[in-house]
Protein backbone atom coordinates (compact mmCIF):
# COMPACT_ATOMS: atom_id res chain seq x y z
CA UNK A 1 -11.70 184.94 52.44
CA UNK A 2 -8.49 187.19 52.10
CA UNK A 3 -8.92 190.54 50.29
CA UNK A 4 -6.59 190.50 46.92
CA UNK A 5 -4.36 193.58 48.01
CA UNK A 6 -2.30 194.03 50.89
CA UNK A 7 -3.15 196.40 53.36
CA UNK A 8 -1.82 200.16 52.89
CA UNK A 9 -0.23 202.83 55.28
CA UNK A 10 -1.58 206.14 54.58
CA UNK A 11 -1.37 209.52 56.31
CA UNK A 12 1.96 208.45 57.34
CA UNK A 13 1.43 205.72 59.35
CA UNK A 14 -1.91 207.49 61.27
CA UNK A 15 -4.35 205.53 59.25
CA UNK A 16 -4.66 202.01 57.46
CA UNK A 17 -6.87 201.54 54.20
CA UNK A 18 -7.49 197.73 53.78
CA UNK A 19 -9.57 196.12 51.11
CA UNK A 20 -12.73 194.07 52.33
CA UNK A 21 -15.31 192.21 50.66
CA UNK A 22 -17.93 195.04 50.84
CA UNK A 23 -15.16 197.35 49.35
CA UNK A 24 -11.92 199.10 50.69
CA UNK A 25 -12.10 200.97 54.31
CA UNK A 26 -9.73 203.46 56.33
CA UNK A 27 -9.21 202.54 59.80
CA UNK A 28 -7.22 205.30 62.41
CA UNK A 29 -4.02 203.96 64.01
CA UNK A 30 -5.78 205.19 67.20
CA UNK A 31 -8.52 203.20 66.72
CA UNK A 32 -7.50 200.13 65.94
CA UNK A 33 -4.98 200.39 68.69
CA UNK A 34 -8.29 200.92 70.67
CA UNK A 35 -10.10 198.00 69.69
CA UNK A 36 -7.37 195.70 69.89
CA UNK A 37 -9.13 192.54 71.07
CA UNK A 38 -6.00 190.91 72.58
CA UNK A 39 -6.08 190.10 76.60
CA UNK A 40 -3.63 192.55 77.16
CA UNK A 41 -6.34 195.30 76.22
CA UNK A 42 -9.60 193.19 76.87
CA UNK A 43 -10.49 190.94 80.24
CA UNK A 44 -10.53 187.74 78.13
CA UNK A 45 -14.07 187.47 80.66
CA UNK A 46 -15.76 189.82 80.45
CA UNK A 47 -14.47 191.44 77.10
CA UNK A 48 -14.24 195.19 79.30
CA UNK A 49 -11.73 197.15 78.23
CA UNK A 50 -8.63 197.00 80.73
CA UNK A 51 -7.20 200.50 79.08
CA UNK A 52 -8.70 204.05 79.61
CA UNK A 53 -8.39 207.10 76.52
CA UNK A 54 -5.37 208.33 78.54
CA UNK A 55 -3.50 205.47 77.92
CA UNK A 56 -3.74 205.92 74.40
CA UNK A 57 -0.65 207.70 72.77
CA UNK A 58 -2.13 210.65 70.07
CA UNK A 59 0.95 209.84 68.20
CA UNK A 60 0.26 206.29 67.91
CA UNK A 61 1.16 205.06 64.32
CA UNK A 62 1.08 202.16 62.26
CA UNK A 63 4.41 200.60 61.41
CA UNK A 64 3.38 197.49 59.78
CA UNK A 65 0.62 195.67 58.52
CA UNK A 66 -0.17 192.25 56.89
CA UNK A 67 -2.92 190.17 56.07
CA UNK A 68 -2.29 185.85 57.13
CA UNK A 69 -5.71 184.41 55.47
CA UNK A 70 -8.74 186.17 57.02
CA UNK A 71 -6.32 187.99 60.06
CA UNK A 72 -4.99 191.31 59.38
CA UNK A 73 -1.91 191.59 61.85
CA UNK A 74 -1.26 195.10 62.65
CA UNK A 75 2.20 196.45 64.41
CA UNK A 76 2.11 199.78 66.41
CA UNK A 77 4.61 202.66 67.28
CA UNK A 78 5.44 203.74 70.14
CA UNK A 79 5.58 200.33 72.40
CA UNK A 80 6.03 197.97 69.21
CA UNK A 81 2.47 196.53 70.19
CA UNK A 82 0.94 193.82 67.85
CA UNK A 83 -3.10 193.73 67.07
CA UNK A 84 -4.52 190.65 65.13
CA UNK A 85 -7.80 191.33 63.64
CA UNK A 86 -10.76 188.90 62.23
CA UNK A 87 -11.81 190.45 58.63
CA UNK A 88 -15.78 189.75 59.41
CA UNK A 89 -15.00 192.25 62.42
CA UNK A 90 -13.49 194.70 60.56
CA UNK A 91 -15.98 194.66 57.73
CA UNK A 92 -18.75 194.62 60.61
CA UNK A 93 -17.47 197.74 62.05
CA UNK A 94 -16.20 199.93 59.22
CA UNK A 95 -17.08 203.31 60.01
CA UNK A 96 -15.75 204.72 56.15
CA UNK A 97 -18.96 204.92 54.89
CA UNK A 98 -20.58 207.54 53.38
CA UNK A 99 -24.31 207.13 55.22
CA UNK A 100 -26.62 209.91 54.23
CA UNK A 101 -29.44 209.20 56.73
CA UNK A 102 -32.45 211.41 56.46
CA UNK A 103 -33.80 212.18 60.35
CA UNK A 104 -35.87 209.75 61.29
CA UNK A 105 -34.36 206.64 59.78
CA UNK A 106 -34.58 203.47 61.70
CA UNK A 107 -32.24 200.47 61.70
CA UNK A 108 -32.42 197.26 58.51
CA UNK A 109 -33.33 194.67 61.33
CA UNK A 110 -36.61 196.86 62.36
CA UNK A 111 -39.71 195.61 60.19
CA UNK A 112 -42.37 198.56 60.34
CA UNK A 113 -45.45 197.36 59.94
CA UNK A 114 -49.32 198.86 58.95
CA UNK A 115 -52.11 196.78 60.39
CA UNK A 116 -52.27 194.75 57.10
CA UNK A 117 -49.32 193.64 57.18
CA UNK A 118 -48.81 192.43 61.03
CA UNK A 119 -52.55 190.46 60.72
CA UNK A 120 -51.37 187.21 60.39
CA UNK A 121 -48.21 186.98 62.69
CA UNK A 122 -47.51 183.89 64.62
CA UNK A 123 -48.80 183.57 68.35
CA UNK A 124 -46.88 181.29 70.18
CA UNK A 125 -47.98 179.41 73.38
CA UNK A 126 -46.78 179.84 77.08
CA UNK A 127 -45.52 176.52 77.53
CA UNK A 128 -43.75 175.77 74.26
CA UNK A 129 -41.71 179.15 74.85
CA UNK A 130 -40.47 177.29 78.12
CA UNK A 131 -39.76 174.76 77.25
CA UNK A 132 -38.09 175.42 73.76
CA UNK A 133 -35.06 177.61 73.57
CA UNK A 134 -34.85 178.15 69.82
CA UNK A 135 -38.29 179.28 69.73
CA UNK A 136 -38.15 181.76 72.64
CA UNK A 137 -35.25 183.20 70.52
CA UNK A 138 -37.54 183.59 67.76
CA UNK A 139 -40.38 184.72 69.89
CA UNK A 140 -38.21 188.06 71.34
CA UNK A 141 -36.34 188.73 67.52
CA UNK A 142 -40.20 188.99 66.94
CA UNK A 143 -40.57 191.70 69.51
CA UNK A 144 -37.32 193.25 68.57
CA UNK A 145 -38.16 193.33 64.59
CA UNK A 146 -41.88 194.00 64.88
CA UNK A 147 -42.25 195.73 68.20
CA UNK A 148 -44.83 193.38 69.32
CA UNK A 149 -45.90 189.72 70.00
CA UNK A 150 -48.53 187.42 71.68
CA UNK A 151 -48.81 184.50 73.09
CA UNK A 152 -51.74 181.95 74.34
CA UNK A 153 -51.57 179.72 77.56
CA UNK A 154 -50.40 181.96 80.07
CA UNK A 155 -51.38 181.35 83.73
CA UNK A 156 -54.71 182.13 84.53
CA UNK A 157 -53.93 183.18 88.24
CA UNK A 158 -52.03 186.72 89.75
CA UNK A 159 -49.12 186.89 89.16
CA UNK A 160 -49.15 185.85 85.09
CA UNK A 161 -47.57 188.70 84.23
CA UNK A 162 -44.25 188.43 86.37
CA UNK A 163 -44.49 184.85 84.67
CA UNK A 164 -44.60 185.93 81.17
CA UNK A 165 -41.65 188.44 81.95
CA UNK A 166 -39.38 185.66 83.18
CA UNK A 167 -39.36 184.84 79.08
CA UNK A 168 -38.50 188.40 78.44
CA UNK A 169 -36.37 190.18 80.51
CA UNK A 170 -35.87 191.62 84.24
CA UNK A 171 -38.84 193.45 85.65
CA UNK A 172 -38.61 196.98 86.56
CA UNK A 173 -40.47 198.20 89.38
CA UNK A 174 -42.49 201.57 89.31
CA UNK A 175 -44.94 203.14 92.03
CA UNK A 176 -47.42 200.52 90.47
CA UNK A 177 -45.59 197.81 91.85
CA UNK A 178 -43.66 194.90 90.65
CA UNK A 179 -47.15 193.87 88.66
CA UNK A 180 -50.36 196.06 88.42
CA UNK A 181 -54.06 195.32 87.37
CA UNK A 182 -56.17 197.20 84.83
CA UNK A 183 -59.58 196.30 86.01
CA UNK A 184 -62.51 198.84 86.89
CA UNK A 185 -61.94 200.53 90.35
CA UNK A 186 -64.05 202.66 91.86
CA UNK A 187 -61.26 204.72 92.98
CA UNK A 188 -59.41 204.84 89.65
CA UNK A 189 -55.68 206.27 89.86
CA UNK A 190 -55.52 205.95 85.94
CA UNK A 191 -57.79 206.16 83.25
CA UNK A 192 -56.85 202.78 82.47
CA UNK A 193 -58.75 201.58 85.50
CA UNK A 194 -62.42 202.39 84.22
CA UNK A 195 -64.23 201.23 81.12
CA UNK A 196 -63.61 204.31 79.04
CA UNK A 197 -62.12 203.71 75.80
CA UNK A 198 -58.03 204.87 75.69
CA UNK A 199 -56.10 206.65 72.63
CA UNK A 200 -53.24 205.10 71.36
CA UNK A 201 -50.44 205.81 73.61
CA UNK A 202 -47.03 205.00 75.01
CA UNK A 203 -47.31 203.80 78.67
CA UNK A 204 -45.50 206.30 81.66
CA UNK A 205 -44.38 209.05 79.40
CA UNK A 206 -43.85 211.23 82.78
CA UNK A 207 -40.72 208.73 83.69
CA UNK A 208 -37.11 209.35 82.86
CA UNK A 209 -36.38 207.36 81.13
CA UNK A 210 -40.10 205.33 80.54
CA UNK A 211 -40.20 201.75 80.59
CA UNK A 212 -39.02 199.84 77.40
CA UNK A 213 -41.60 196.92 77.06
CA UNK A 214 -44.75 196.19 78.53
CA UNK A 215 -46.50 193.08 78.82
CA UNK A 216 -50.40 192.83 79.16
CA UNK A 217 -51.79 189.33 80.42
CA UNK A 218 -55.40 188.71 80.06
CA UNK A 219 -57.25 187.24 82.84
CA UNK A 220 -61.01 187.62 82.34
CA UNK A 221 -62.64 189.16 79.80
CA UNK A 222 -66.49 188.83 80.04
CA UNK A 223 -67.59 192.41 78.78
CA UNK A 224 -69.24 193.79 75.50
CA UNK A 225 -66.05 195.62 73.89
CA UNK A 226 -62.93 196.40 74.89
CA UNK A 227 -60.63 195.25 72.32
CA UNK A 228 -57.17 195.73 72.31
CA UNK A 229 -54.97 197.74 69.67
CA UNK A 230 -51.46 198.21 68.74
CA UNK A 231 -50.02 200.82 65.92
CA UNK A 232 -46.45 201.03 64.91
CA UNK A 233 -45.56 204.53 66.12
CA UNK A 234 -42.51 204.25 64.00
CA UNK A 235 -44.10 203.51 61.31
CA UNK A 236 -46.93 206.35 61.73
CA UNK A 237 -43.92 208.62 62.18
CA UNK A 238 -42.15 208.26 59.01
CA UNK A 239 -45.65 208.68 57.27
CA UNK A 240 -45.59 211.86 59.03
CA UNK A 241 -42.02 212.90 58.43
CA UNK A 242 -42.81 211.62 53.93
CA UNK A 243 -46.11 214.05 54.25
CA UNK A 244 -45.00 216.78 56.45
CA UNK A 245 -40.96 216.96 57.28
CA UNK A 246 -41.15 220.40 58.95
CA UNK A 247 -43.98 218.98 60.90
CA UNK A 248 -41.94 216.12 61.84
CA UNK A 249 -38.90 218.24 62.81
CA UNK A 250 -41.02 220.18 64.95
CA UNK A 251 -42.23 217.01 67.18
CA UNK A 252 -38.72 216.28 67.06
CA UNK A 253 -37.30 219.39 68.12
CA UNK A 254 -39.13 220.58 70.86
CA UNK A 255 -39.42 219.10 73.90
CA UNK A 256 -43.22 218.49 75.36
CA UNK A 257 -43.94 217.93 79.26
CA UNK A 258 -45.98 214.97 81.32
CA UNK A 259 -46.96 214.42 84.45
CA UNK A 260 -48.15 212.05 86.63
CA UNK A 261 -50.02 212.85 90.65
CA UNK A 262 -53.00 210.19 90.36
CA UNK A 263 -51.31 208.20 93.41
CA UNK A 264 -51.16 210.27 96.54
CA UNK A 265 -47.07 211.16 97.46
CA UNK A 266 -46.09 210.33 94.26
CA UNK A 267 -45.56 213.35 91.25
CA UNK A 268 -43.69 212.45 88.34
CA UNK A 269 -42.80 214.46 85.42
CA UNK A 270 -40.23 214.52 82.44
CA UNK A 271 -39.73 216.71 79.51
CA UNK A 272 -38.75 215.23 76.00
CA UNK A 273 -39.95 215.39 72.47
CA UNK A 274 -42.67 213.67 71.54
CA UNK A 275 -40.48 212.18 68.72
CA UNK A 276 -37.07 210.96 70.01
CA UNK A 277 -33.75 210.89 67.48
CA UNK A 278 -30.58 210.35 68.33
CA UNK A 279 -27.53 212.18 67.33
CA UNK A 280 -27.09 210.59 63.94
CA UNK A 281 -31.28 211.45 63.16
CA UNK A 282 -32.00 207.41 64.17
CA UNK A 283 -35.40 207.15 65.32
CA UNK A 284 -34.88 205.88 69.08
CA UNK A 285 -38.44 206.26 70.77
CA UNK A 286 -42.09 208.00 71.24
CA UNK A 287 -43.68 209.59 73.66
CA UNK A 288 -47.49 210.04 73.07
CA UNK A 289 -49.88 210.26 75.90
CA UNK A 290 -52.65 212.77 75.44
CA UNK A 291 -53.97 212.40 79.27
CA UNK A 292 -50.42 212.65 80.66
CA UNK A 293 -49.26 215.69 78.36
CA UNK A 294 -48.98 218.90 80.71
CA UNK A 295 -48.78 222.32 79.58
CA UNK A 296 -46.18 222.83 76.84
CA UNK A 297 -43.65 225.63 77.80
CA UNK A 298 -40.74 225.06 75.84
CA UNK A 299 -41.59 225.95 72.32
CA UNK A 300 -41.19 229.42 71.16
CA UNK A 301 -44.74 231.65 70.70
CA UNK A 302 -43.99 231.72 67.09
CA UNK A 303 -43.77 227.84 66.89
CA UNK A 304 -46.65 227.17 68.84
CA UNK A 305 -49.34 226.90 66.45
CA UNK A 306 -47.79 225.31 63.82
CA UNK A 307 -46.41 222.60 66.78
CA UNK A 308 -50.42 222.04 67.86
CA UNK A 309 -50.64 221.32 64.21
CA UNK A 310 -47.74 218.74 63.46
CA UNK A 311 -49.24 217.08 67.13
CA UNK A 312 -52.66 216.54 65.94
CA UNK A 313 -51.77 215.40 62.23
CA UNK A 314 -49.35 212.98 64.00
CA UNK A 315 -52.60 211.88 66.14
CA UNK A 316 -54.79 212.19 63.11
CA UNK A 317 -52.70 209.56 61.08
CA UNK A 318 -52.19 207.04 64.39
CA UNK A 319 -55.80 207.12 64.70
CA UNK A 320 -56.58 205.64 61.12
CA UNK A 321 -57.45 202.49 60.27
CA UNK A 322 -54.47 202.10 58.14
CA UNK A 323 -51.84 202.09 61.39
CA UNK A 324 -54.37 200.38 64.09
CA UNK A 325 -54.47 196.40 64.62
CA UNK A 326 -56.96 195.16 66.75
CA UNK A 327 -57.56 192.02 68.21
CA UNK A 328 -59.93 191.02 71.42
CA UNK A 329 -57.53 189.48 74.05
CA UNK A 330 -59.33 186.34 75.48
CA UNK A 331 -58.34 184.97 78.99
CA UNK A 332 -54.94 183.26 78.92
CA UNK A 333 -53.87 185.34 75.68
CA UNK A 334 -50.63 188.41 76.33
CA UNK A 335 -49.22 190.99 74.58
CA UNK A 336 -45.64 191.94 75.23
CA UNK A 337 -45.00 195.37 73.27
CA UNK A 338 -41.55 197.94 72.68
CA UNK A 339 -43.31 200.75 74.86
CA UNK A 340 -41.31 203.25 73.46
CA UNK A 341 -42.12 202.26 69.74
CA UNK A 342 -45.53 200.59 69.66
CA UNK A 343 -49.02 202.72 70.53
CA UNK A 344 -51.33 200.48 72.51
CA UNK A 345 -55.25 201.48 72.72
CA UNK A 346 -58.56 200.20 73.96
CA UNK A 347 -62.13 200.15 72.87
CA UNK A 348 -64.82 201.47 75.92
CA UNK A 349 -66.42 198.04 77.32
CA UNK A 350 -69.88 197.81 79.12
CA UNK A 351 -71.55 194.88 80.60
CA UNK A 352 -72.10 193.36 83.78
CA UNK A 353 -68.98 190.79 83.46
CA UNK A 354 -65.32 191.28 84.40
CA UNK A 355 -62.36 192.60 82.23
CA UNK A 356 -59.07 192.06 84.06
CA UNK A 357 -55.64 192.58 82.38
CA UNK A 358 -52.31 191.97 84.98
CA UNK A 359 -49.24 193.90 83.33
CA UNK A 360 -45.96 194.59 83.97
CA UNK A 361 -42.95 196.69 82.89
CA UNK A 362 -39.54 194.65 81.70
CA UNK A 363 -36.31 196.65 80.63
CA UNK A 364 -35.29 196.37 76.89
CA UNK A 365 -31.79 195.41 77.61
CA UNK A 366 -32.65 192.02 78.84
CA UNK A 367 -34.32 191.27 75.74
CA UNK A 368 -31.56 192.96 73.54
CA UNK A 369 -28.83 190.72 75.85
CA UNK A 370 -30.75 187.56 75.28
CA UNK A 371 -30.50 188.05 71.47
CA UNK A 372 -27.58 189.27 71.49
CA UNK A 373 -25.67 186.11 73.26
CA UNK A 374 -27.63 183.61 71.59
CA UNK A 375 -25.77 185.43 67.93
CA UNK A 376 -22.60 185.48 69.51
CA UNK A 377 -22.48 189.29 69.71
CA UNK A 378 -19.71 191.59 71.25
CA UNK A 379 -20.27 194.93 70.01
CA UNK A 380 -22.97 197.39 68.35
CA UNK A 381 -23.63 196.35 64.81
CA UNK A 382 -26.14 198.38 62.47
């Protein structure tokens, strides 16, 4: 539906005001010229820009603008260039909005959860996801929204994690290989390769960047104990912010240090805040892994005691039953989770039987790409 009033040139043509379904919005002439969707500006095949910022004239002005149904025609000078924009596209990309955001905000498409909220999420089957693209996309969207998803019926053979990865995206190889086994080893290179319980953590905080998605497939589980636990770290972080904004701010402001040297010839190191925020305050990710945290040397002396208090309180929140979703993985079952949001933990286990999980890492971009392509998206939408 066309806006009720014609567009209005403002600031001597340096900007344009239009009425959209969501209300009036202003757009700069330079921004509109830069985002022209036509073939002279963007390659029709790839959608990539054919012009650079240095090709834009800083004196660009709008000399005329008019609606034709739900398409806005804009004529620029100098150069007498005309662009056409869909009303829906303008509404989705309007930046003339007052958006007061508290540091630690999350996009509306994310569903933050506590244990009681996530107990009954559906568990898909491996075969069904391979055969039904609609179901696969819905399952991937669950990972995007809730940060994790589960499945059953995975292959019970070496290479199972890589098979599940074909449903998600592109495998990221590390020093552990394209895939890795989690089972008791005589000479363990990681505490995960013991029967000890593991605190809730994100994997590989000592990498830059850490892996975005983790897959763990159960191939055997004949032990007593060894239950799996997932925690929505974003929900816990927002609980910390609500309870103690200063504590949240310290964990987001000061970088921690992380290190791994458990494999000969490997020494991985990274420095980043435990709570990562974007430039606009968006909660982007977490690095929480006590056993891989190195000496903290980037926090001022006068802040160190308060930093430790903040860290401990965050760890206490993460450990409360309120946030801990527990379940037992049986052979053929798998969990796939966002490693920058969801913390995972394990109960200690005993017994003469075997517990064997196989895992791998997948970059987030493959998952996001599949969902965006299915929705026909071509640009960011918040």
